[in-house]
Amino acid sequence: DLYNELLAQTVRMFYYQRCGVAKEAAYAGEAWQDAACHIHSGQDLACRAVDNKGNAATEMDLSGGWHDAGDFNKYVSFTYSTLHNLLFAYENNPNAFFDNYNIPESGNGIPDLLDEIKYELDWLLKMQLNDGSVLSKVSVTAHQGASPVSQDMANRYYAPATLSATRSFASVVAHAYRVFSQFTSLSDYANTLLASAEKAWQYIQVN
């Protein structure tokens, strides 16, 4: 068990990347606590299409998910390797992951790695359109940011659906179904993942 604490802190890195929720001191520590980010006017709760910025009818709730990296954008295609690697890590050695990594979902009977993955999947599901296609990203239109992240007030927009995003979505969400369906408490959610993956796949076949 030499590396258990190192693994826990590695998984917790994704908690710090969460968008749209406050980082409470109980989970983030006094030094890294912060208010919810990207919940202001013109941001993720009412995100508009980048090619139709003036049209309120394009607004969608695309809140949640993880920030990409050093910036606060959120890209569907870039979730491909990250989520597959995390899901394969769990499948290859499920006994290495515990339910006590001190994230808000700790103690719910689901390994915290999967709880964290679910936070990203919840956002991915929001990115799928009714026809099965998937929006490519939520981002600013220039290099903008702030520190702490809750002070970032820049307008954020979503880019159109792409086949690359839809393929990435179908692959990742299907893989997640295979893992999440192992848990009785997540059976309904797993079925949602499967249906969404199949819907994306059907769009790909036609387009």
N, C-alpha and C. Protein backbone atom coordinates (compact mmCIF):
# COMPACT_ATOMS: atom_id res chain seq x y z
N ASP A 1 0.83 -1.23 0.00
CA ASP A 1 0.00 0.00 0.00
C ASP A 1 0.85 1.27 0.00
N LEU A 2 2.11 1.16 -0.41
CA LEU A 2 3.05 2.27 -0.35
C LEU A 2 2.55 3.48 -1.14
N TYR A 3 1.87 3.23 -2.26
CA TYR A 3 1.50 4.31 -3.17
C TYR A 3 0.05 4.75 -3.04
N ASN A 4 -0.66 4.24 -2.03
CA ASN A 4 -2.08 4.58 -1.89
C ASN A 4 -2.31 6.09 -1.76
N GLU A 5 -1.53 6.74 -0.93
CA GLU A 5 -1.72 8.18 -0.73
C GLU A 5 -1.37 8.96 -1.99
N LEU A 6 -0.31 8.56 -2.67
CA LEU A 6 0.07 9.21 -3.93
C LEU A 6 -1.05 9.07 -4.96
N LEU A 7 -1.64 7.88 -5.05
CA LEU A 7 -2.73 7.65 -5.99
C LEU A 7 -3.94 8.50 -5.63
N ALA A 8 -4.25 8.58 -4.35
CA ALA A 8 -5.39 9.39 -3.91
C ALA A 8 -5.21 10.84 -4.31
N GLN A 9 -4.02 11.38 -4.10
CA GLN A 9 -3.77 12.79 -4.45
C GLN A 9 -3.79 13.00 -5.96
N THR A 10 -3.36 12.00 -6.71
CA THR A 10 -3.40 12.09 -8.16
C THR A 10 -4.84 12.16 -8.66
N VAL A 11 -5.69 11.32 -8.11
CA VAL A 11 -7.12 11.35 -8.48
C VAL A 11 -7.73 12.68 -8.06
N ARG A 12 -7.34 13.19 -6.90
CA ARG A 12 -7.90 14.45 -6.41
C ARG A 12 -7.54 15.64 -7.31
N MET A 13 -6.51 15.50 -8.14
CA MET A 13 -6.20 16.57 -9.08
C MET A 13 -7.41 16.91 -9.94
N PHE A 14 -8.19 15.89 -10.30
CA PHE A 14 -9.36 16.14 -11.14
C PHE A 14 -10.44 16.91 -10.36
N TYR A 15 -10.51 16.70 -9.05
CA TYR A 15 -11.46 17.48 -8.24
C TYR A 15 -11.15 18.97 -8.36
N TYR A 16 -9.87 19.33 -8.33
CA TYR A 16 -9.49 20.74 -8.42
C TYR A 16 -9.77 21.32 -9.81
N GLN A 17 -9.94 20.45 -10.81
CA GLN A 17 -10.25 20.90 -12.17
C GLN A 17 -11.76 21.05 -12.40
N ARG A 18 -12.57 20.74 -11.40
CA ARG A 18 -14.02 20.83 -11.59
C ARG A 18 -14.44 22.26 -11.89
N CYS A 19 -15.34 22.39 -12.84
CA CYS A 19 -15.88 23.68 -13.22
C CYS A 19 -17.30 23.82 -12.69
N GLY A 20 -17.62 25.01 -12.19
CA GLY A 20 -19.00 25.32 -11.85
C GLY A 20 -19.43 25.02 -10.43
N VAL A 21 -18.54 24.55 -9.59
CA VAL A 21 -18.89 24.28 -8.20
C VAL A 21 -17.84 24.89 -7.28
N ALA A 22 -18.27 25.25 -6.08
CA ALA A 22 -17.34 25.80 -5.10
C ALA A 22 -16.39 24.71 -4.63
N LYS A 23 -15.16 25.08 -4.38
CA LYS A 23 -14.17 24.18 -3.78
C LYS A 23 -14.13 24.50 -2.28
N GLU A 24 -14.88 23.75 -1.50
CA GLU A 24 -14.97 24.01 -0.07
C GLU A 24 -13.68 23.63 0.63
N ALA A 25 -13.38 24.36 1.70
CA ALA A 25 -12.14 24.11 2.43
C ALA A 25 -12.05 22.68 2.95
N ALA A 26 -13.19 22.08 3.27
CA ALA A 26 -13.19 20.71 3.79
C ALA A 26 -12.60 19.72 2.78
N TYR A 27 -12.71 20.05 1.50
CA TYR A 27 -12.19 19.16 0.45
C TYR A 27 -10.95 19.72 -0.23
N ALA A 28 -10.91 21.04 -0.42
CA ALA A 28 -9.82 21.64 -1.17
C ALA A 28 -8.69 22.13 -0.29
N GLY A 29 -8.95 22.27 1.01
CA GLY A 29 -7.96 22.86 1.90
C GLY A 29 -8.13 24.37 1.97
N GLU A 30 -7.67 24.96 3.04
CA GLU A 30 -7.83 26.39 3.24
C GLU A 30 -7.16 27.20 2.12
N ALA A 31 -6.02 26.73 1.66
CA ALA A 31 -5.25 27.51 0.68
C ALA A 31 -5.89 27.50 -0.70
N TRP A 32 -6.68 26.47 -1.01
CA TRP A 32 -7.18 26.31 -2.37
C TRP A 32 -8.69 26.38 -2.46
N GLN A 33 -9.35 26.74 -1.39
CA GLN A 33 -10.80 26.89 -1.47
C GLN A 33 -11.14 28.05 -2.39
N ASP A 34 -12.31 27.95 -3.04
CA ASP A 34 -12.71 28.99 -3.97
C ASP A 34 -14.21 28.89 -4.20
N ALA A 35 -14.82 30.00 -4.58
CA ALA A 35 -16.23 30.02 -4.91
C ALA A 35 -16.44 29.34 -6.27
N ALA A 36 -17.69 29.08 -6.61
CA ALA A 36 -18.00 28.45 -7.89
C ALA A 36 -17.57 29.36 -9.04
N CYS A 37 -17.05 28.75 -10.08
CA CYS A 37 -16.58 29.50 -11.24
C CYS A 37 -17.53 29.34 -12.42
N HIS A 38 -17.47 30.29 -13.34
CA HIS A 38 -18.16 30.24 -14.63
C HIS A 38 -19.66 30.03 -14.51
N ILE A 39 -20.23 30.71 -13.50
CA ILE A 39 -21.68 30.67 -13.29
C ILE A 39 -22.30 32.05 -13.51
N HIS A 40 -21.51 32.96 -14.06
CA HIS A 40 -21.96 34.33 -14.21
C HIS A 40 -22.63 34.54 -15.57
N SER A 41 -23.18 35.71 -15.76
CA SER A 41 -23.86 36.04 -17.02
C SER A 41 -22.92 35.83 -18.20
N GLY A 42 -23.43 35.20 -19.24
CA GLY A 42 -22.63 34.96 -20.43
C GLY A 42 -21.68 33.79 -20.31
N GLN A 43 -21.85 32.99 -19.26
CA GLN A 43 -20.97 31.85 -19.07
C GLN A 43 -21.74 30.53 -19.19
N ASP A 44 -21.32 29.49 -18.48
CA ASP A 44 -21.72 28.13 -18.82
C ASP A 44 -23.19 27.79 -18.55
N LEU A 45 -23.82 28.46 -17.61
CA LEU A 45 -25.22 28.14 -17.32
C LEU A 45 -26.15 28.59 -18.45
N ALA A 46 -25.72 29.56 -19.23
CA ALA A 46 -26.50 30.04 -20.37
C ALA A 46 -25.53 30.30 -21.52
N CYS A 47 -24.85 29.26 -21.93
CA CYS A 47 -23.80 29.35 -22.93
C CYS A 47 -24.42 29.52 -24.32
N ARG A 48 -23.88 30.45 -25.10
CA ARG A 48 -24.41 30.70 -26.44
C ARG A 48 -23.48 30.17 -27.53
N ALA A 49 -24.05 29.95 -28.70
CA ALA A 49 -23.27 29.48 -29.84
C ALA A 49 -22.28 30.55 -30.27
N VAL A 50 -21.05 30.16 -30.52
CA VAL A 50 -20.01 31.12 -30.88
C VAL A 50 -20.30 31.79 -32.22
N ASP A 51 -21.03 31.11 -33.10
CA ASP A 51 -21.34 31.69 -34.40
C ASP A 51 -22.67 32.43 -34.41
N ASN A 52 -23.28 32.60 -33.23
CA ASN A 52 -24.55 33.33 -33.14
C ASN A 52 -24.65 33.95 -31.75
N LYS A 53 -23.64 34.72 -31.38
CA LYS A 53 -23.49 35.21 -30.01
C LYS A 53 -24.65 36.08 -29.54
N GLY A 54 -25.29 36.79 -30.45
CA GLY A 54 -26.34 37.71 -30.05
C GLY A 54 -27.70 37.07 -29.88
N ASN A 55 -27.80 35.78 -30.13
CA ASN A 55 -29.10 35.10 -30.11
C ASN A 55 -29.29 34.33 -28.81
N ALA A 56 -30.16 34.83 -27.96
CA ALA A 56 -30.41 34.17 -26.68
C ALA A 56 -31.06 32.80 -26.86
N ALA A 57 -31.67 32.57 -28.03
CA ALA A 57 -32.31 31.28 -28.28
C ALA A 57 -31.31 30.15 -28.38
N THR A 58 -30.03 30.47 -28.55
CA THR A 58 -29.01 29.41 -28.63
C THR A 58 -28.49 29.00 -27.26
N GLU A 59 -28.95 29.63 -26.21
CA GLU A 59 -28.40 29.37 -24.87
C GLU A 59 -28.65 27.93 -24.42
N MET A 60 -27.62 27.34 -23.85
CA MET A 60 -27.69 25.99 -23.31
C MET A 60 -26.95 25.95 -21.97
N ASP A 61 -27.43 25.10 -21.07
CA ASP A 61 -26.71 24.86 -19.82
C ASP A 61 -25.62 23.83 -20.08
N LEU A 62 -24.40 24.29 -20.16
CA LEU A 62 -23.24 23.42 -20.41
C LEU A 62 -22.27 23.49 -19.23
N SER A 63 -22.83 23.67 -18.06
CA SER A 63 -22.03 23.76 -16.84
C SER A 63 -21.48 22.40 -16.45
N GLY A 64 -20.47 22.44 -15.59
CA GLY A 64 -19.88 21.21 -15.08
C GLY A 64 -18.64 20.80 -15.85
N GLY A 65 -18.22 19.57 -15.62
CA GLY A 65 -17.04 19.03 -16.28
C GLY A 65 -15.75 19.57 -15.69
N TRP A 66 -14.65 19.19 -16.31
CA TRP A 66 -13.33 19.61 -15.87
C TRP A 66 -12.78 20.69 -16.80
N HIS A 67 -12.04 21.63 -16.22
CA HIS A 67 -11.24 22.52 -17.05
C HIS A 67 -10.19 21.68 -17.77
N ASP A 68 -9.81 22.14 -18.95
CA ASP A 68 -8.90 21.33 -19.77
C ASP A 68 -7.53 21.16 -19.12
N ALA A 69 -6.92 22.24 -18.71
CA ALA A 69 -5.57 22.15 -18.15
C ALA A 69 -5.24 23.47 -17.49
N GLY A 70 -4.27 24.19 -18.06
CA GLY A 70 -3.92 25.50 -17.51
C GLY A 70 -4.94 26.56 -17.87
N ASP A 71 -5.76 26.27 -18.86
CA ASP A 71 -6.85 27.19 -19.19
C ASP A 71 -8.15 26.61 -18.66
N PHE A 72 -9.23 27.36 -18.83
CA PHE A 72 -10.51 26.95 -18.26
C PHE A 72 -11.49 26.46 -19.32
N ASN A 73 -10.99 26.23 -20.56
CA ASN A 73 -11.84 25.70 -21.61
C ASN A 73 -12.17 24.24 -21.35
N LYS A 74 -13.16 23.74 -22.09
CA LYS A 74 -13.59 22.35 -21.93
C LYS A 74 -13.79 21.76 -23.32
N TYR A 75 -12.97 20.77 -23.67
CA TYR A 75 -12.98 20.19 -25.01
C TYR A 75 -13.45 18.74 -24.96
N VAL A 76 -14.39 18.38 -25.81
CA VAL A 76 -14.89 17.00 -25.83
C VAL A 76 -13.82 16.04 -26.33
N SER A 77 -13.18 16.36 -27.45
CA SER A 77 -12.22 15.41 -28.04
C SER A 77 -11.05 15.12 -27.12
N PHE A 78 -10.66 16.11 -26.31
CA PHE A 78 -9.52 15.91 -25.43
C PHE A 78 -9.85 15.01 -24.23
N THR A 79 -11.12 14.68 -24.04
CA THR A 79 -11.47 13.74 -22.97
C THR A 79 -11.15 12.30 -23.36
N TYR A 80 -10.89 12.08 -24.65
CA TYR A 80 -10.76 10.71 -25.16
C TYR A 80 -9.68 9.91 -24.42
N SER A 81 -8.44 10.37 -24.48
CA SER A 81 -7.37 9.60 -23.85
C SER A 81 -7.48 9.64 -22.33
N THR A 82 -7.86 10.78 -21.79
CA THR A 82 -7.94 10.91 -20.33
C THR A 82 -8.94 9.92 -19.74
N LEU A 83 -10.16 9.93 -20.25
CA LEU A 83 -11.19 9.08 -19.68
C LEU A 83 -10.94 7.60 -19.97
N HIS A 84 -10.49 7.29 -21.17
CA HIS A 84 -10.17 5.88 -21.45
C HIS A 84 -9.07 5.38 -20.51
N ASN A 85 -8.04 6.19 -20.32
CA ASN A 85 -6.95 5.75 -19.44
C ASN A 85 -7.44 5.53 -18.02
N LEU A 86 -8.28 6.43 -17.51
CA LEU A 86 -8.80 6.27 -16.16
C LEU A 86 -9.71 5.06 -16.05
N LEU A 87 -10.55 4.86 -17.04
CA LEU A 87 -11.45 3.71 -17.02
C LEU A 87 -10.68 2.39 -17.13
N PHE A 88 -9.66 2.36 -18.00
CA PHE A 88 -8.83 1.16 -18.10
C PHE A 88 -8.07 0.92 -16.79
N ALA A 89 -7.61 1.99 -16.16
CA ALA A 89 -6.89 1.83 -14.89
C ALA A 89 -7.79 1.14 -13.86
N TYR A 90 -9.05 1.57 -13.81
CA TYR A 90 -9.97 0.94 -12.87
C TYR A 90 -10.23 -0.51 -13.27
N GLU A 91 -10.49 -0.75 -14.54
CA GLU A 91 -10.79 -2.13 -14.98
C GLU A 91 -9.61 -3.06 -14.72
N ASN A 92 -8.40 -2.57 -14.94
CA ASN A 92 -7.22 -3.41 -14.78
C ASN A 92 -6.90 -3.72 -13.33
N ASN A 93 -7.26 -2.82 -12.41
CA ASN A 93 -6.92 -3.03 -11.01
C ASN A 93 -7.94 -2.32 -10.11
N PRO A 94 -9.19 -2.78 -10.09
CA PRO A 94 -10.23 -2.08 -9.31
C PRO A 94 -9.94 -2.01 -7.82
N ASN A 95 -9.21 -2.97 -7.30
CA ASN A 95 -8.94 -2.99 -5.86
C ASN A 95 -7.93 -1.93 -5.42
N ALA A 96 -7.33 -1.24 -6.39
CA ALA A 96 -6.37 -0.19 -6.05
C ALA A 96 -7.06 1.13 -5.70
N PHE A 97 -8.36 1.25 -6.02
CA PHE A 97 -9.06 2.53 -5.87
C PHE A 97 -10.08 2.44 -4.75
N PHE A 98 -10.10 3.48 -3.90
CA PHE A 98 -10.94 3.46 -2.71
C PHE A 98 -11.99 4.58 -2.73
N ASP A 99 -12.80 4.60 -1.71
CA ASP A 99 -13.92 5.53 -1.61
C ASP A 99 -13.68 6.56 -0.51
N ASN A 100 -12.42 6.92 -0.30
CA ASN A 100 -12.08 7.79 0.83
C ASN A 100 -11.05 8.86 0.46
N TYR A 101 -11.16 9.41 -0.74
CA TYR A 101 -10.17 10.37 -1.22
C TYR A 101 -10.52 11.82 -0.83
N ASN A 102 -11.52 11.98 0.00
CA ASN A 102 -11.94 13.31 0.47
C ASN A 102 -12.38 14.22 -0.68
N ILE A 103 -13.32 13.70 -1.46
CA ILE A 103 -14.07 14.53 -2.40
C ILE A 103 -15.52 14.50 -1.92
N PRO A 104 -16.39 15.38 -2.41
CA PRO A 104 -17.75 15.43 -1.88
C PRO A 104 -18.50 14.11 -1.94
N GLU A 105 -18.17 13.24 -2.88
CA GLU A 105 -18.89 11.97 -3.02
C GLU A 105 -18.28 10.83 -2.20
N SER A 106 -17.20 11.08 -1.50
CA SER A 106 -16.54 10.03 -0.72
C SER A 106 -17.52 9.39 0.25
N GLY A 107 -17.44 8.07 0.37
CA GLY A 107 -18.29 7.33 1.29
C GLY A 107 -19.63 6.92 0.71
N ASN A 108 -19.82 7.10 -0.59
CA ASN A 108 -21.12 6.76 -1.19
C ASN A 108 -21.18 5.34 -1.74
N GLY A 109 -20.14 4.56 -1.51
CA GLY A 109 -20.14 3.18 -1.97
C GLY A 109 -19.59 2.99 -3.37
N ILE A 110 -19.18 4.08 -4.02
CA ILE A 110 -18.59 4.03 -5.35
C ILE A 110 -17.15 4.52 -5.25
N PRO A 111 -16.19 3.84 -5.85
CA PRO A 111 -14.81 4.33 -5.79
C PRO A 111 -14.73 5.78 -6.26
N ASP A 112 -13.95 6.58 -5.56
CA ASP A 112 -13.90 8.01 -5.86
C ASP A 112 -13.40 8.29 -7.27
N LEU A 113 -12.57 7.42 -7.81
CA LEU A 113 -12.14 7.60 -9.20
C LEU A 113 -13.35 7.64 -10.12
N LEU A 114 -14.31 6.74 -9.90
CA LEU A 114 -15.50 6.69 -10.75
C LEU A 114 -16.42 7.87 -10.47
N ASP A 115 -16.50 8.30 -9.22
CA ASP A 115 -17.27 9.51 -8.91
C ASP A 115 -16.72 10.71 -9.69
N GLU A 116 -15.40 10.80 -9.74
CA GLU A 116 -14.79 11.92 -10.43
C GLU A 116 -15.01 11.82 -11.94
N ILE A 117 -14.90 10.61 -12.48
CA ILE A 117 -15.19 10.39 -13.89
C ILE A 117 -16.63 10.78 -14.20
N LYS A 118 -17.54 10.43 -13.30
CA LYS A 118 -18.96 10.75 -13.52
C LYS A 118 -19.17 12.26 -13.61
N TYR A 119 -18.41 13.03 -12.86
CA TYR A 119 -18.56 14.49 -12.94
C TYR A 119 -18.27 14.97 -14.35
N GLU A 120 -17.28 14.38 -14.99
CA GLU A 120 -16.96 14.75 -16.37
C GLU A 120 -18.01 14.20 -17.33
N LEU A 121 -18.46 12.98 -17.09
CA LEU A 121 -19.48 12.39 -17.97
C LEU A 121 -20.78 13.18 -17.94
N ASP A 122 -21.15 13.69 -16.77
CA ASP A 122 -22.37 14.49 -16.67
C ASP A 122 -22.31 15.68 -17.62
N TRP A 123 -21.14 16.28 -17.72
CA TRP A 123 -20.97 17.40 -18.66
C TRP A 123 -21.01 16.92 -20.10
N LEU A 124 -20.36 15.82 -20.38
CA LEU A 124 -20.36 15.29 -21.75
C LEU A 124 -21.79 15.03 -22.23
N LEU A 125 -22.63 14.50 -21.36
CA LEU A 125 -24.01 14.22 -21.75
C LEU A 125 -24.75 15.50 -22.13
N LYS A 126 -24.42 16.60 -21.47
CA LYS A 126 -25.04 17.88 -21.80
C LYS A 126 -24.61 18.36 -23.19
N MET A 127 -23.46 17.92 -23.65
CA MET A 127 -22.92 18.39 -24.92
C MET A 127 -23.54 17.68 -26.12
N GLN A 128 -24.31 16.62 -25.88
CA GLN A 128 -24.93 15.90 -26.99
C GLN A 128 -26.23 16.57 -27.41
N LEU A 129 -26.39 16.77 -28.71
CA LEU A 129 -27.61 17.36 -29.25
C LEU A 129 -28.65 16.29 -29.53
N ASN A 130 -29.85 16.71 -29.81
CA ASN A 130 -30.96 15.77 -29.99
C ASN A 130 -30.74 14.80 -31.15
N ASP A 131 -29.99 15.22 -32.16
CA ASP A 131 -29.76 14.33 -33.31
C ASP A 131 -28.63 13.34 -33.07
N GLY A 132 -28.02 13.39 -31.90
CA GLY A 132 -26.94 12.47 -31.56
C GLY A 132 -25.56 13.06 -31.70
N SER A 133 -25.43 14.15 -32.45
CA SER A 133 -24.13 14.80 -32.60
C SER A 133 -23.71 15.46 -31.30
N VAL A 134 -22.44 15.82 -31.21
CA VAL A 134 -21.89 16.33 -29.95
C VAL A 134 -21.11 17.62 -30.22
N LEU A 135 -21.44 18.65 -29.43
CA LEU A 135 -20.72 19.92 -29.53
C LEU A 135 -19.24 19.71 -29.21
N SER A 136 -18.39 20.52 -29.83
CA SER A 136 -16.96 20.25 -29.72
C SER A 136 -16.29 20.84 -28.49
N LYS A 137 -16.78 22.00 -28.02
CA LYS A 137 -16.10 22.60 -26.87
C LYS A 137 -16.91 23.74 -26.29
N VAL A 138 -16.53 24.13 -25.08
CA VAL A 138 -16.97 25.36 -24.42
C VAL A 138 -15.70 26.15 -24.12
N SER A 139 -15.64 27.40 -24.59
CA SER A 139 -14.39 28.14 -24.41
C SER A 139 -14.60 29.63 -24.55
N VAL A 140 -13.55 30.36 -24.21
CA VAL A 140 -13.49 31.78 -24.50
C VAL A 140 -13.01 31.95 -25.94
N THR A 141 -13.07 33.17 -26.45
CA THR A 141 -12.68 33.41 -27.83
C THR A 141 -11.27 33.99 -27.96
N ALA A 142 -10.63 34.22 -26.84
CA ALA A 142 -9.24 34.68 -26.84
C ALA A 142 -8.59 34.10 -25.59
N HIS A 143 -7.30 34.31 -25.44
CA HIS A 143 -6.62 33.79 -24.25
C HIS A 143 -6.97 34.68 -23.07
N GLN A 144 -7.87 34.16 -22.22
CA GLN A 144 -8.33 34.93 -21.07
C GLN A 144 -8.33 34.02 -19.84
N GLY A 145 -8.23 34.64 -18.68
CA GLY A 145 -8.27 33.86 -17.46
C GLY A 145 -8.19 34.76 -16.26
N ALA A 146 -8.17 34.16 -15.08
CA ALA A 146 -8.08 34.91 -13.84
C ALA A 146 -7.63 33.97 -12.73
N SER A 147 -7.21 34.54 -11.64
CA SER A 147 -6.84 33.74 -10.48
C SER A 147 -7.31 34.47 -9.23
N PRO A 148 -8.10 33.79 -8.38
CA PRO A 148 -8.57 32.42 -8.54
C PRO A 148 -9.58 32.31 -9.68
N VAL A 149 -9.88 31.08 -10.05
CA VAL A 149 -10.72 30.84 -11.21
C VAL A 149 -12.12 31.44 -11.07
N SER A 150 -12.62 31.57 -9.86
CA SER A 150 -13.96 32.13 -9.66
C SER A 150 -14.04 33.58 -10.12
N GLN A 151 -12.91 34.24 -10.30
CA GLN A 151 -12.89 35.64 -10.74
C GLN A 151 -12.86 35.78 -12.26
N ASP A 152 -12.89 34.68 -12.96
CA ASP A 152 -12.91 34.74 -14.42
C ASP A 152 -14.32 35.07 -14.89
N MET A 153 -14.51 36.26 -15.42
CA MET A 153 -15.83 36.74 -15.85
C MET A 153 -15.98 36.77 -17.37
N ALA A 154 -15.01 36.26 -18.11
CA ALA A 154 -15.06 36.31 -19.56
C ALA A 154 -16.24 35.53 -20.11
N ASN A 155 -16.85 36.03 -21.16
CA ASN A 155 -17.92 35.30 -21.82
C ASN A 155 -17.38 34.00 -22.41
N ARG A 156 -18.21 32.98 -22.35
CA ARG A 156 -17.82 31.66 -22.85
C ARG A 156 -18.89 31.18 -23.83
N TYR A 157 -18.45 30.47 -24.86
CA TYR A 157 -19.35 30.04 -25.93
C TYR A 157 -19.10 28.57 -26.27
N TYR A 158 -20.10 27.97 -26.91
CA TYR A 158 -19.89 26.61 -27.39
C TYR A 158 -19.69 26.63 -28.90
N ALA A 159 -18.82 25.73 -29.36
CA ALA A 159 -18.54 25.59 -30.79
C ALA A 159 -19.44 24.50 -31.36
N PRO A 160 -19.64 24.50 -32.68
CA PRO A 160 -20.56 23.54 -33.30
C PRO A 160 -20.17 22.09 -33.07
N ALA A 161 -21.12 21.22 -33.32
CA ALA A 161 -20.85 19.78 -33.25
C ALA A 161 -19.89 19.38 -34.37
N THR A 162 -19.05 18.42 -34.08
CA THR A 162 -18.12 17.88 -35.08
C THR A 162 -18.16 16.36 -35.01
N LEU A 163 -17.74 15.73 -36.10
CA LEU A 163 -17.66 14.26 -36.09
C LEU A 163 -16.58 13.77 -35.14
N SER A 164 -15.48 14.51 -35.03
CA SER A 164 -14.42 14.08 -34.12
C SER A 164 -14.91 14.08 -32.67
N ALA A 165 -15.64 15.11 -32.29
CA ALA A 165 -16.20 15.15 -30.94
C ALA A 165 -17.22 14.04 -30.75
N THR A 166 -18.03 13.80 -31.76
CA THR A 166 -19.07 12.76 -31.65
C THR A 166 -18.45 11.38 -31.56
N ARG A 167 -17.38 11.14 -32.32
CA ARG A 167 -16.68 9.85 -32.23
C ARG A 167 -16.05 9.66 -30.85
N SER A 168 -15.39 10.70 -30.36
CA SER A 168 -14.77 10.61 -29.04
C SER A 168 -15.82 10.33 -27.98
N PHE A 169 -16.93 11.05 -28.06
CA PHE A 169 -18.03 10.88 -27.12
C PHE A 169 -18.55 9.45 -27.15
N ALA A 170 -18.84 8.93 -28.35
CA ALA A 170 -19.40 7.58 -28.46
C ALA A 170 -18.46 6.55 -27.83
N SER A 171 -17.18 6.70 -28.09
CA SER A 171 -16.20 5.75 -27.58
C SER A 171 -16.09 5.80 -26.06
N VAL A 172 -15.92 6.98 -25.53
CA VAL A 172 -15.73 7.15 -24.09
C VAL A 172 -16.98 6.75 -23.31
N VAL A 173 -18.15 7.18 -23.79
CA VAL A 173 -19.38 6.91 -23.05
C VAL A 173 -19.72 5.44 -23.10
N ALA A 174 -19.43 4.76 -24.21
CA ALA A 174 -19.64 3.32 -24.28
C ALA A 174 -18.73 2.59 -23.29
N HIS A 175 -17.49 3.02 -23.21
CA HIS A 175 -16.55 2.43 -22.26
C HIS A 175 -17.03 2.66 -20.82
N ALA A 176 -17.51 3.87 -20.55
CA ALA A 176 -18.00 4.17 -19.21
C ALA A 176 -19.20 3.29 -18.87
N TYR A 177 -20.07 3.02 -19.83
CA TYR A 177 -21.20 2.11 -19.59
C TYR A 177 -20.69 0.76 -19.10
N ARG A 178 -19.65 0.25 -19.74
CA ARG A 178 -19.12 -1.07 -19.37
C ARG A 178 -18.67 -1.09 -17.91
N VAL A 179 -18.11 0.01 -17.44
CA VAL A 179 -17.61 0.08 -16.06
C VAL A 179 -18.74 0.37 -15.08
N PHE A 180 -19.56 1.38 -15.39
CA PHE A 180 -20.59 1.83 -14.45
C PHE A 180 -21.72 0.81 -14.30
N SER A 181 -21.93 -0.02 -15.30
CA SER A 181 -23.01 -1.02 -15.22
C SER A 181 -22.70 -2.11 -14.21
N GLN A 182 -21.48 -2.14 -13.69
CA GLN A 182 -21.12 -3.12 -12.66
C GLN A 182 -21.72 -2.76 -11.30
N PHE A 183 -22.24 -1.54 -11.16
CA PHE A 183 -22.75 -1.06 -9.87
C PHE A 183 -24.27 -0.93 -9.94
N THR A 184 -24.96 -1.66 -9.07
CA THR A 184 -26.43 -1.65 -9.06
C THR A 184 -26.97 -0.24 -8.88
N SER A 185 -26.34 0.54 -8.02
CA SER A 185 -26.82 1.90 -7.74
C SER A 185 -26.66 2.82 -8.94
N LEU A 186 -25.86 2.43 -9.91
CA LEU A 186 -25.62 3.25 -11.09
C LEU A 186 -26.23 2.65 -12.36
N SER A 187 -27.12 1.68 -12.20
CA SER A 187 -27.64 0.98 -13.37
C SER A 187 -28.42 1.90 -14.29
N ASP A 188 -29.25 2.79 -13.73
CA ASP A 188 -30.01 3.72 -14.56
C ASP A 188 -29.07 4.67 -15.30
N TYR A 189 -28.07 5.14 -14.59
CA TYR A 189 -27.10 6.05 -15.21
C TYR A 189 -26.34 5.33 -16.31
N ALA A 190 -25.95 4.09 -16.05
CA ALA A 190 -25.23 3.31 -17.06
C ALA A 190 -26.08 3.13 -18.31
N ASN A 191 -27.37 2.89 -18.14
CA ASN A 191 -28.25 2.74 -19.30
C ASN A 191 -28.36 4.04 -20.09
N THR A 192 -28.34 5.17 -19.39
CA THR A 192 -28.32 6.46 -20.07
C THR A 192 -27.05 6.61 -20.90
N LEU A 193 -25.94 6.19 -20.34
CA LEU A 193 -24.68 6.24 -21.08
C LEU A 193 -24.74 5.39 -22.34
N LEU A 194 -25.27 4.19 -22.21
CA LEU A 194 -25.35 3.30 -23.36
C LEU A 194 -26.24 3.89 -24.46
N ALA A 195 -27.40 4.39 -24.07
CA ALA A 195 -28.31 4.97 -25.06
C ALA A 195 -27.68 6.17 -25.75
N SER A 196 -26.94 6.97 -25.00
CA SER A 196 -26.29 8.15 -25.57
C SER A 196 -25.17 7.75 -26.52
N ALA A 197 -24.42 6.72 -26.16
CA ALA A 197 -23.35 6.24 -27.03
C ALA A 197 -23.92 5.71 -28.34
N GLU A 198 -25.00 4.96 -28.24
CA GLU A 198 -25.62 4.40 -29.44
C GLU A 198 -26.19 5.50 -30.33
N LYS A 199 -26.76 6.52 -29.71
CA LYS A 199 -27.32 7.65 -30.47
C LYS A 199 -26.21 8.37 -31.23
N ALA A 200 -25.08 8.56 -30.58
CA ALA A 200 -23.94 9.19 -31.25
C ALA A 200 -23.44 8.31 -32.38
N TRP A 201 -23.37 7.02 -32.14
CA TRP A 201 -22.89 6.08 -33.16
C TRP A 201 -23.80 6.09 -34.39
N GLN A 202 -25.10 6.14 -34.17
CA GLN A 202 -26.02 6.19 -35.29
C GLN A 202 -25.82 7.47 -36.09
N TYR A 203 -25.59 8.58 -35.42
CA TYR A 203 -25.32 9.84 -36.13
C TYR A 203 -24.08 9.71 -37.00
N ILE A 204 -23.05 9.08 -36.46
CA ILE A 204 -21.79 8.90 -37.19
C ILE A 204 -22.05 8.09 -38.46
N GLN A 205 -22.85 7.03 -38.38
CA GLN A 205 -23.09 6.18 -39.54
C GLN A 205 -23.77 6.95 -40.67
N VAL A 206 -24.65 7.84 -40.32
CA VAL A 206 -25.42 8.59 -41.33
C VAL A 206 -24.61 9.74 -41.89
N ASN A 207 -23.67 10.24 -41.10
CA ASN A 207 -22.94 11.45 -41.47
C ASN A 207 -21.46 11.22 -41.74
